[in-house]
């Protein structure tokens, strides 16, 4: 799995920065990677997917441009952990596609799950969890920094860390710009377009989710966080196309 630069207007980096809530460190992870290359798109065939290996699938982020320096919207900075993967609506993340086995997930994530059952493989620092049905990946959930993550193997309540990845730009798929955790709704829609439908919540749940936007193959959850003036993307759920629920 590789990310290939696509042509874009010279002001893409500046426009992408405006789409982030002041800083959005939770989303800076892959934003600095993708916007620094003027946008990226996925380039792999089904055959190439089958040959993907852990070493080949990890995309190392280049040093961000000086102009990409942003103050965090959260009260602390959390280092990125694990491989950097493109988030692919309706398909998976990086080389981990729907239908992957638990062994494939562990190999591509380069370590064992923090919590593993027949239904889920959860990584706390990487802020991602893989949902299994019939023994294979059926859904992938990505979380913002400090979202409640449940208990670890020792029974201690945990929170998620900083996901290293983003939804790359792919104009052919209707995604003119990158989208990542930490963006506000207006900025996200510049990259994803208008959702197929929306849902409004009261924000009283553990994630403080106030809105859910549904796309084909992707569900975007907006959370209220104390340090942001507007709701930001707090969760991404990658699901099979035409099966958003």
C-alpha atoms as a PDB file:
ATOM      1  CA  UNK A   1       0.000   0.000   0.000  1.00  0.00           C
ATOM      2  CA  UNK A   2       1.496   3.292  -1.070  1.00  0.00           C
ATOM      3  CA  UNK A   3       0.336   6.886  -1.101  1.00  0.00           C
ATOM      4  CA  UNK A   4       0.905   8.737  -4.353  1.00  0.00           C
ATOM      5  CA  UNK A   5       0.900  12.540  -4.616  1.00  0.00           C
ATOM      6  CA  UNK A   6      -1.806  14.055  -6.825  1.00  0.00           C
ATOM      7  CA  UNK A   7      -1.688  17.497  -8.397  1.00  0.00           C
ATOM      8  CA  UNK A   8      -3.404  20.211  -6.420  1.00  0.00           C
ATOM      9  CA  UNK A   9      -3.634  23.987  -6.273  1.00  0.00           C
ATOM     10  CA  UNK A  10      -0.695  25.738  -4.631  1.00  0.00           C
ATOM     11  CA  UNK A  11      -2.857  26.960  -1.759  1.00  0.00           C
ATOM     12  CA  UNK A  12      -3.946  23.475  -0.654  1.00  0.00           C
ATOM     13  CA  UNK A  13      -1.808  23.463   2.486  1.00  0.00           C
ATOM     14  CA  UNK A  14      -3.189  26.838   3.573  1.00  0.00           C
ATOM     15  CA  UNK A  15      -6.750  25.727   2.853  1.00  0.00           C
ATOM     16  CA  UNK A  16      -6.266  22.475   4.756  1.00  0.00           C
ATOM     17  CA  UNK A  17      -4.966  24.363   7.779  1.00  0.00           C
ATOM     18  CA  UNK A  18      -8.117  26.485   7.835  1.00  0.00           C
ATOM     19  CA  UNK A  19     -10.197  23.289   7.937  1.00  0.00           C
ATOM     20  CA  UNK A  20      -8.629  22.303  11.260  1.00  0.00           C
ATOM     21  CA  UNK A  21     -10.012  23.619  14.534  1.00  0.00           C
ATOM     22  CA  UNK A  22      -7.184  25.766  15.937  1.00  0.00           C
ATOM     23  CA  UNK A  23      -4.532  23.134  16.037  1.00  0.00           C
ATOM     24  CA  UNK A  24      -6.443  19.874  16.161  1.00  0.00           C
ATOM     25  CA  UNK A  25      -3.364  17.927  17.217  1.00  0.00           C
ATOM     26  CA  UNK A  26      -5.476  14.777  17.120  1.00  0.00           C
ATOM     27  CA  UNK A  27      -5.780  15.286  13.378  1.00  0.00           C
ATOM     28  CA  UNK A  28      -2.322  16.669  12.702  1.00  0.00           C
ATOM     29  CA  UNK A  29      -0.975  13.120  12.601  1.00  0.00           C
ATOM     30  CA  UNK A  30      -1.542  12.452   8.919  1.00  0.00           C
ATOM     31  CA  UNK A  31      -2.559  15.929   7.891  1.00  0.00           C
ATOM     32  CA  UNK A  32       1.055  17.063   8.049  1.00  0.00           C
ATOM     33  CA  UNK A  33       1.968  13.985   6.015  1.00  0.00           C
ATOM     34  CA  UNK A  34      -0.647  14.382   3.317  1.00  0.00           C
ATOM     35  CA  UNK A  35      -0.952  18.147   2.951  1.00  0.00           C
ATOM     36  CA  UNK A  36       2.828  18.485   2.770  1.00  0.00           C
ATOM     37  CA  UNK A  37       2.626  16.503  -0.455  1.00  0.00           C
ATOM     38  CA  UNK A  38      -0.245  18.631  -1.829  1.00  0.00           C
ATOM     39  CA  UNK A  39      -2.690  15.795  -1.277  1.00  0.00           C
ATOM     40  CA  UNK A  40      -2.375  12.039  -1.720  1.00  0.00           C
ATOM     41  CA  UNK A  41      -4.441   9.256  -3.127  1.00  0.00           C
ATOM     42  CA  UNK A  42      -4.326   5.525  -2.752  1.00  0.00           C
ATOM     43  CA  UNK A  43      -2.794   3.463  -5.524  1.00  0.00           C
ATOM     44  CA  UNK A  44      -3.071  -0.288  -5.223  1.00  0.00           C
ATOM     45  CA  UNK A  45      -4.691  -3.120  -7.120  1.00  0.00           C
ATOM     46  CA  UNK A  46      -6.361  -6.185  -5.557  1.00  0.00           C
ATOM     47  CA  UNK A  47      -3.272  -8.186  -6.483  1.00  0.00           C
ATOM     48  CA  UNK A  48      -0.998  -5.686  -4.812  1.00  0.00           C
ATOM     49  CA  UNK A  49      -3.198  -5.751  -1.714  1.00  0.00           C
ATOM     50  CA  UNK A  50      -2.695  -9.469  -1.392  1.00  0.00           C
ATOM     51  CA  UNK A  51       1.057  -9.027  -1.507  1.00  0.00           C
ATOM     52  CA  UNK A  52       1.146  -6.217   1.045  1.00  0.00           C
ATOM     53  CA  UNK A  53       3.523  -6.798   3.908  1.00  0.00           C
ATOM     54  CA  UNK A  54       4.024  -5.041   7.196  1.00  0.00           C
ATOM     55  CA  UNK A  55       7.219  -3.373   6.048  1.00  0.00           C
ATOM     56  CA  UNK A  56       5.778  -2.293   2.705  1.00  0.00           C
ATOM     57  CA  UNK A  57       2.514  -0.969   4.153  1.00  0.00           C
ATOM     58  CA  UNK A  58       3.954   1.451   6.667  1.00  0.00           C
ATOM     59  CA  UNK A  59       4.091   4.984   5.305  1.00  0.00           C
ATOM     60  CA  UNK A  60       6.655   7.096   7.126  1.00  0.00           C
ATOM     61  CA  UNK A  61       5.627  10.758   7.436  1.00  0.00           C
ATOM     62  CA  UNK A  62       8.048  13.371   6.131  1.00  0.00           C
ATOM     63  CA  UNK A  63       8.961  16.368   8.261  1.00  0.00           C
ATOM     64  CA  UNK A  64       6.094  18.883   8.127  1.00  0.00           C
ATOM     65  CA  UNK A  65       6.614  22.238   6.494  1.00  0.00           C
ATOM     66  CA  UNK A  66       7.382  25.129   8.797  1.00  0.00           C
ATOM     67  CA  UNK A  67       4.086  26.717   7.736  1.00  0.00           C
ATOM     68  CA  UNK A  68       2.215  23.678   9.041  1.00  0.00           C
ATOM     69  CA  UNK A  69       2.976  24.473  12.683  1.00  0.00           C
ATOM     70  CA  UNK A  70      -0.312  24.553  14.625  1.00  0.00           C
ATOM     71  CA  UNK A  71      -1.233  24.916  18.270  1.00  0.00           C
ATOM     72  CA  UNK A  72      -3.110  21.912  19.711  1.00  0.00           C
ATOM     73  CA  UNK A  73      -6.802  22.171  20.528  1.00  0.00           C
ATOM     74  CA  UNK A  74      -6.337  19.700  23.370  1.00  0.00           C
ATOM     75  CA  UNK A  75      -4.518  20.483  26.582  1.00  0.00           C
ATOM     76  CA  UNK A  76      -1.701  18.033  25.912  1.00  0.00           C
ATOM     77  CA  UNK A  77       0.314  16.710  22.999  1.00  0.00           C
ATOM     78  CA  UNK A  78       0.257  12.942  22.498  1.00  0.00           C
ATOM     79  CA  UNK A  79       2.930  11.352  20.277  1.00  0.00           C
ATOM     80  CA  UNK A  80       1.783   9.245  17.374  1.00  0.00           C
ATOM     81  CA  UNK A  81       2.275   5.510  17.780  1.00  0.00           C
ATOM     82  CA  UNK A  82       2.266   2.773  15.188  1.00  0.00           C
ATOM     83  CA  UNK A  83       2.176   2.752  11.380  1.00  0.00           C
ATOM     84  CA  UNK A  84       0.653   5.578   9.349  1.00  0.00           C
ATOM     85  CA  UNK A  85      -2.263   4.311   7.272  1.00  0.00           C
ATOM     86  CA  UNK A  86      -4.597   5.869   4.732  1.00  0.00           C
ATOM     87  CA  UNK A  87      -8.247   5.570   5.794  1.00  0.00           C
ATOM     88  CA  UNK A  88     -10.179   4.119   2.839  1.00  0.00           C
ATOM     89  CA  UNK A  89     -13.993   4.501   3.044  1.00  0.00           C
ATOM     90  CA  UNK A  90     -15.769   1.249   2.284  1.00  0.00           C
ATOM     91  CA  UNK A  91     -12.499  -0.717   2.223  1.00  0.00           C
ATOM     92  CA  UNK A  92     -10.334  -0.521   5.358  1.00  0.00           C
ATOM     93  CA  UNK A  93      -7.174   1.264   6.493  1.00  0.00           C
ATOM     94  CA  UNK A  94      -3.795   0.866   4.805  1.00  0.00           C
ATOM     95  CA  UNK A  95      -3.320  -2.817   3.924  1.00  0.00           C
ATOM     96  CA  UNK A  96      -5.984  -3.994   6.412  1.00  0.00           C
ATOM     97  CA  UNK A  97      -9.147  -4.578   4.398  1.00  0.00           C
ATOM     98  CA  UNK A  98     -12.528  -6.001   5.270  1.00  0.00           C
ATOM     99  CA  UNK A  99     -12.159  -9.764   5.495  1.00  0.00           C
ATOM    100  CA  UNK A 100      -8.713  -9.616   7.119  1.00  0.00           C
ATOM    101  CA  UNK A 101      -8.051 -12.148   9.874  1.00  0.00           C
ATOM    102  CA  UNK A 102      -6.928 -11.266  13.416  1.00  0.00           C
ATOM    103  CA  UNK A 103      -3.456 -12.530  12.519  1.00  0.00           C
ATOM    104  CA  UNK A 104      -3.291 -10.111   9.577  1.00  0.00           C
ATOM    105  CA  UNK A 105      -4.355  -7.220  11.806  1.00  0.00           C
ATOM    106  CA  UNK A 106      -1.656  -7.990  14.360  1.00  0.00           C
ATOM    107  CA  UNK A 107       1.003  -8.344  11.657  1.00  0.00           C
ATOM    108  CA  UNK A 108       0.161  -5.071   9.926  1.00  0.00           C
ATOM    109  CA  UNK A 109      -0.185  -3.187  13.222  1.00  0.00           C
ATOM    110  CA  UNK A 110       3.241  -4.670  14.136  1.00  0.00           C
ATOM    111  CA  UNK A 111       2.161  -5.856  17.586  1.00  0.00           C
ATOM    112  CA  UNK A 112      -0.486  -7.714  19.558  1.00  0.00           C
ATOM    113  CA  UNK A 113      -3.836  -6.118  20.396  1.00  0.00           C
ATOM    114  CA  UNK A 114      -4.150  -4.384  23.760  1.00  0.00           C
ATOM    115  CA  UNK A 115      -7.556  -6.039  24.110  1.00  0.00           C
ATOM    116  CA  UNK A 116      -8.514  -9.006  21.964  1.00  0.00           C
ATOM    117  CA  UNK A 117     -11.701 -11.055  21.956  1.00  0.00           C
ATOM    118  CA  UNK A 118     -13.624 -12.908  19.273  1.00  0.00           C
ATOM    119  CA  UNK A 119     -15.412  -9.618  18.513  1.00  0.00           C
ATOM    120  CA  UNK A 120     -12.706  -6.939  18.713  1.00  0.00           C
ATOM    121  CA  UNK A 121      -9.000  -6.133  18.521  1.00  0.00           C
ATOM    122  CA  UNK A 122      -8.376  -2.799  20.269  1.00  0.00           C
ATOM    123  CA  UNK A 123      -5.254  -0.628  20.314  1.00  0.00           C
ATOM    124  CA  UNK A 124      -5.176   2.155  22.927  1.00  0.00           C
ATOM    125  CA  UNK A 125      -2.163   4.316  21.889  1.00  0.00           C
ATOM    126  CA  UNK A 126      -2.937   3.913  18.174  1.00  0.00           C
ATOM    127  CA  UNK A 127      -6.594   4.880  18.780  1.00  0.00           C
ATOM    128  CA  UNK A 128      -8.055   2.222  16.508  1.00  0.00           C
ATOM    129  CA  UNK A 129     -10.149  -0.894  16.972  1.00  0.00           C
ATOM    130  CA  UNK A 130     -11.050  -3.660  14.560  1.00  0.00           C
ATOM    131  CA  UNK A 131     -14.496  -5.243  14.826  1.00  0.00           C
ATOM    132  CA  UNK A 132     -14.717  -8.909  13.840  1.00  0.00           C
ATOM    133  CA  UNK A 133     -17.715 -10.797  12.530  1.00  0.00           C
ATOM    134  CA  UNK A 134     -17.409 -14.458  11.620  1.00  0.00           C
ATOM    135  CA  UNK A 135     -13.706 -14.257  12.437  1.00  0.00           C
ATOM    136  CA  UNK A 136     -12.730 -11.455  10.038  1.00  0.00           C
ATOM    137  CA  UNK A 137     -12.644  -7.648  10.031  1.00  0.00           C
ATOM    138  CA  UNK A 138     -16.107  -6.206   9.341  1.00  0.00           C
ATOM    139  CA  UNK A 139     -15.705  -2.650  10.661  1.00  0.00           C
ATOM    140  CA  UNK A 140     -12.865  -0.351  11.748  1.00  0.00           C
ATOM    141  CA  UNK A 141     -13.286   2.417  14.326  1.00  0.00           C
ATOM    142  CA  UNK A 142     -10.833   5.294  14.762  1.00  0.00           C
ATOM    143  CA  UNK A 143     -10.926   7.664  17.736  1.00  0.00           C
ATOM    144  CA  UNK A 144      -9.706  11.091  18.825  1.00  0.00           C
ATOM    145  CA  UNK A 145      -7.258  11.657  21.649  1.00  0.00           C
ATOM    146  CA  UNK A 146      -8.743  11.051  25.120  1.00  0.00           C
ATOM    147  CA  UNK A 147     -11.908   9.300  23.953  1.00  0.00           C
ATOM    148  CA  UNK A 148     -12.872   6.660  26.533  1.00  0.00           C
ATOM    149  CA  UNK A 149     -11.473   3.293  25.451  1.00  0.00           C
ATOM    150  CA  UNK A 150     -12.787   0.937  28.128  1.00  0.00           C
ATOM    151  CA  UNK A 151     -10.757  -1.281  30.400  1.00  0.00           C
ATOM    152  CA  UNK A 152      -7.432  -2.909  29.630  1.00  0.00           C
ATOM    153  CA  UNK A 153      -6.443  -6.472  30.531  1.00  0.00           C
ATOM    154  CA  UNK A 154      -5.754  -5.376  34.115  1.00  0.00           C
ATOM    155  CA  UNK A 155      -9.179  -3.786  34.486  1.00  0.00           C
ATOM    156  CA  UNK A 156      -7.869  -0.204  34.335  1.00  0.00           C
ATOM    157  CA  UNK A 157      -9.956   2.388  32.486  1.00  0.00           C
ATOM    158  CA  UNK A 158      -8.064   3.705  29.449  1.00  0.00           C
ATOM    159  CA  UNK A 159      -8.377   6.495  26.888  1.00  0.00           C
ATOM    160  CA  UNK A 160      -7.288   6.501  23.273  1.00  0.00           C
ATOM    161  CA  UNK A 161      -4.071   8.042  22.004  1.00  0.00           C
ATOM    162  CA  UNK A 162      -3.249   9.735  18.696  1.00  0.00           C
ATOM    163  CA  UNK A 163      -4.223   7.939  15.470  1.00  0.00           C
ATOM    164  CA  UNK A 164      -1.550   8.167  12.782  1.00  0.00           C
ATOM    165  CA  UNK A 165      -3.456   8.445   9.540  1.00  0.00           C
ATOM    166  CA  UNK A 166      -6.083  10.318   7.513  1.00  0.00           C
ATOM    167  CA  UNK A 167      -8.539  10.011   4.647  1.00  0.00           C
ATOM    168  CA  UNK A 168      -6.444  10.939   1.588  1.00  0.00           C
ATOM    169  CA  UNK A 169      -7.630  13.186  -1.194  1.00  0.00           C
ATOM    170  CA  UNK A 170      -9.036  11.297  -4.184  1.00  0.00           C
ATOM    171  CA  UNK A 171     -10.883  13.567  -6.620  1.00  0.00           C
ATOM    172  CA  UNK A 172     -12.013  10.583  -8.694  1.00  0.00           C
ATOM    173  CA  UNK A 173     -13.868   9.291  -5.622  1.00  0.00           C
ATOM    174  CA  UNK A 174     -15.370  12.683  -4.819  1.00  0.00           C
ATOM    175  CA  UNK A 175     -12.793  13.589  -2.133  1.00  0.00           C
ATOM    176  CA  UNK A 176     -11.007  16.779  -3.269  1.00  0.00           C
ATOM    177  CA  UNK A 177      -9.005  17.215  -0.068  1.00  0.00           C
ATOM    178  CA  UNK A 178      -7.766  15.218   2.900  1.00  0.00           C
ATOM    179  CA  UNK A 179      -9.895  14.707   6.019  1.00  0.00           C
ATOM    180  CA  UNK A 180      -8.717  13.711   9.466  1.00  0.00           C
ATOM    181  CA  UNK A 181      -9.600  13.449  13.130  1.00  0.00           C
ATOM    182  CA  UNK A 182      -9.935  16.884  14.743  1.00  0.00           C
ATOM    183  CA  UNK A 183     -11.559  18.769  11.852  1.00  0.00           C
ATOM    184  CA  UNK A 184     -14.812  20.677  12.257  1.00  0.00           C
ATOM    185  CA  UNK A 185     -17.833  19.792  10.091  1.00  0.00           C
ATOM    186  CA  UNK A 186     -17.427  22.575   7.546  1.00  0.00           C
ATOM    187  CA  UNK A 187     -13.804  21.686   6.963  1.00  0.00           C
ATOM    188  CA  UNK A 188     -14.547  17.973   6.761  1.00  0.00           C
ATOM    189  CA  UNK A 189     -17.189  18.516   4.118  1.00  0.00           C
ATOM    190  CA  UNK A 190     -14.640  20.320   1.951  1.00  0.00           C
ATOM    191  CA  UNK A 191     -12.856  16.992   1.753  1.00  0.00           C
ATOM    192  CA  UNK A 192     -15.748  14.532   1.901  1.00  0.00           C
ATOM    193  CA  UNK A 193     -18.634  16.442   0.371  1.00  0.00           C
ATOM    194  CA  UNK A 194     -22.134  16.604   1.804  1.00  0.00           C
ATOM    195  CA  UNK A 195     -23.214  13.553   3.832  1.00  0.00           C
ATOM    196  CA  UNK A 196     -25.996  11.267   2.658  1.00  0.00           C
ATOM    197  CA  UNK A 197     -27.800  11.903   5.937  1.00  0.00           C
ATOM    198  CA  UNK A 198     -27.136  13.305   9.378  1.00  0.00           C
ATOM    199  CA  UNK A 199     -28.165  12.521  12.932  1.00  0.00           C
ATOM    200  CA  UNK A 200     -28.181  14.885  15.918  1.00  0.00           C
ATOM    201  CA  UNK A 201     -27.396  13.608  19.431  1.00  0.00           C
ATOM    202  CA  UNK A 202     -27.567  15.228  22.860  1.00  0.00           C
ATOM    203  CA  UNK A 203     -23.848  14.913  23.590  1.00  0.00           C
ATOM    204  CA  UNK A 204     -24.470  13.266  26.951  1.00  0.00           C
ATOM    205  CA  UNK A 205     -22.796   9.963  26.090  1.00  0.00           C
ATOM    206  CA  UNK A 206     -19.249   9.080  27.155  1.00  0.00           C
ATOM    207  CA  UNK A 207     -17.827  10.347  23.843  1.00  0.00           C
ATOM    208  CA  UNK A 208     -19.832  13.609  23.983  1.00  0.00           C
ATOM    209  CA  UNK A 209     -20.959  12.986  20.397  1.00  0.00           C
ATOM    210  CA  UNK A 210     -23.399  15.615  19.141  1.00  0.00           C
ATOM    211  CA  UNK A 211     -23.695  14.739  15.451  1.00  0.00           C
ATOM    212  CA  UNK A 212     -23.191  11.780  13.139  1.00  0.00           C
ATOM    213  CA  UNK A 213     -22.758  12.169   9.385  1.00  0.00           C
ATOM    214  CA  UNK A 214     -23.253   9.166   7.123  1.00  0.00           C
ATOM    215  CA  UNK A 215     -21.410   8.578   3.857  1.00  0.00           C
ATOM    216  CA  UNK A 216     -21.181   5.517   1.647  1.00  0.00           C
ATOM    217  CA  UNK A 217     -18.605   3.376   3.438  1.00  0.00           C
ATOM    218  CA  UNK A 218     -17.899   5.885   6.211  1.00  0.00           C
ATOM    219  CA  UNK A 219     -19.549   7.241   9.365  1.00  0.00           C
ATOM    220  CA  UNK A 220     -18.170  10.486  10.825  1.00  0.00           C
ATOM    221  CA  UNK A 221     -18.841  11.296  14.486  1.00  0.00           C
ATOM    222  CA  UNK A 222     -18.504  14.848  15.841  1.00  0.00           C
ATOM    223  CA  UNK A 223     -17.683  15.285  19.533  1.00  0.00           C
ATOM    224  CA  UNK A 224     -17.681  18.293  21.817  1.00  0.00           C
ATOM    225  CA  UNK A 225     -14.340  18.691  23.525  1.00  0.00           C
ATOM    226  CA  UNK A 226     -13.779  21.330  26.220  1.00  0.00           C
ATOM    227  CA  UNK A 227     -10.932  23.078  24.442  1.00  0.00           C
ATOM    228  CA  UNK A 228     -12.690  23.510  21.070  1.00  0.00           C
ATOM    229  CA  UNK A 229     -15.359  26.101  20.290  1.00  0.00           C
ATOM    230  CA  UNK A 230     -17.149  23.856  17.802  1.00  0.00           C
ATOM    231  CA  UNK A 231     -17.602  20.065  17.589  1.00  0.00           C
ATOM    232  CA  UNK A 232     -14.729  18.228  15.922  1.00  0.00           C
ATOM    233  CA  UNK A 233     -14.359  14.837  14.301  1.00  0.00           C
ATOM    234  CA  UNK A 234     -13.970  12.518  17.258  1.00  0.00           C
ATOM    235  CA  UNK A 235     -14.553   9.228  15.515  1.00  0.00           C
ATOM    236  CA  UNK A 236     -14.408   7.611  12.093  1.00  0.00           C
ATOM    237  CA  UNK A 237     -16.138   4.312  11.402  1.00  0.00           C
ATOM    238  CA  UNK A 238     -15.073   2.575   8.224  1.00  0.00           C
ATOM    239  CA  UNK A 239     -17.878   0.266   7.126  1.00  0.00           C
ATOM    240  CA  UNK A 240     -18.819  -1.678   3.983  1.00  0.00           C
ATOM    241  CA  UNK A 241     -20.415   0.493   1.351  1.00  0.00           C
ATOM    242  CA  UNK A 242     -24.201   0.992   1.523  1.00  0.00           C
ATOM    243  CA  UNK A 243     -24.139  -0.441   5.090  1.00  0.00           C
ATOM    244  CA  UNK A 244     -23.602   2.598   7.286  1.00  0.00           C
ATOM    245  CA  UNK A 245     -25.466   1.227  10.316  1.00  0.00           C
END
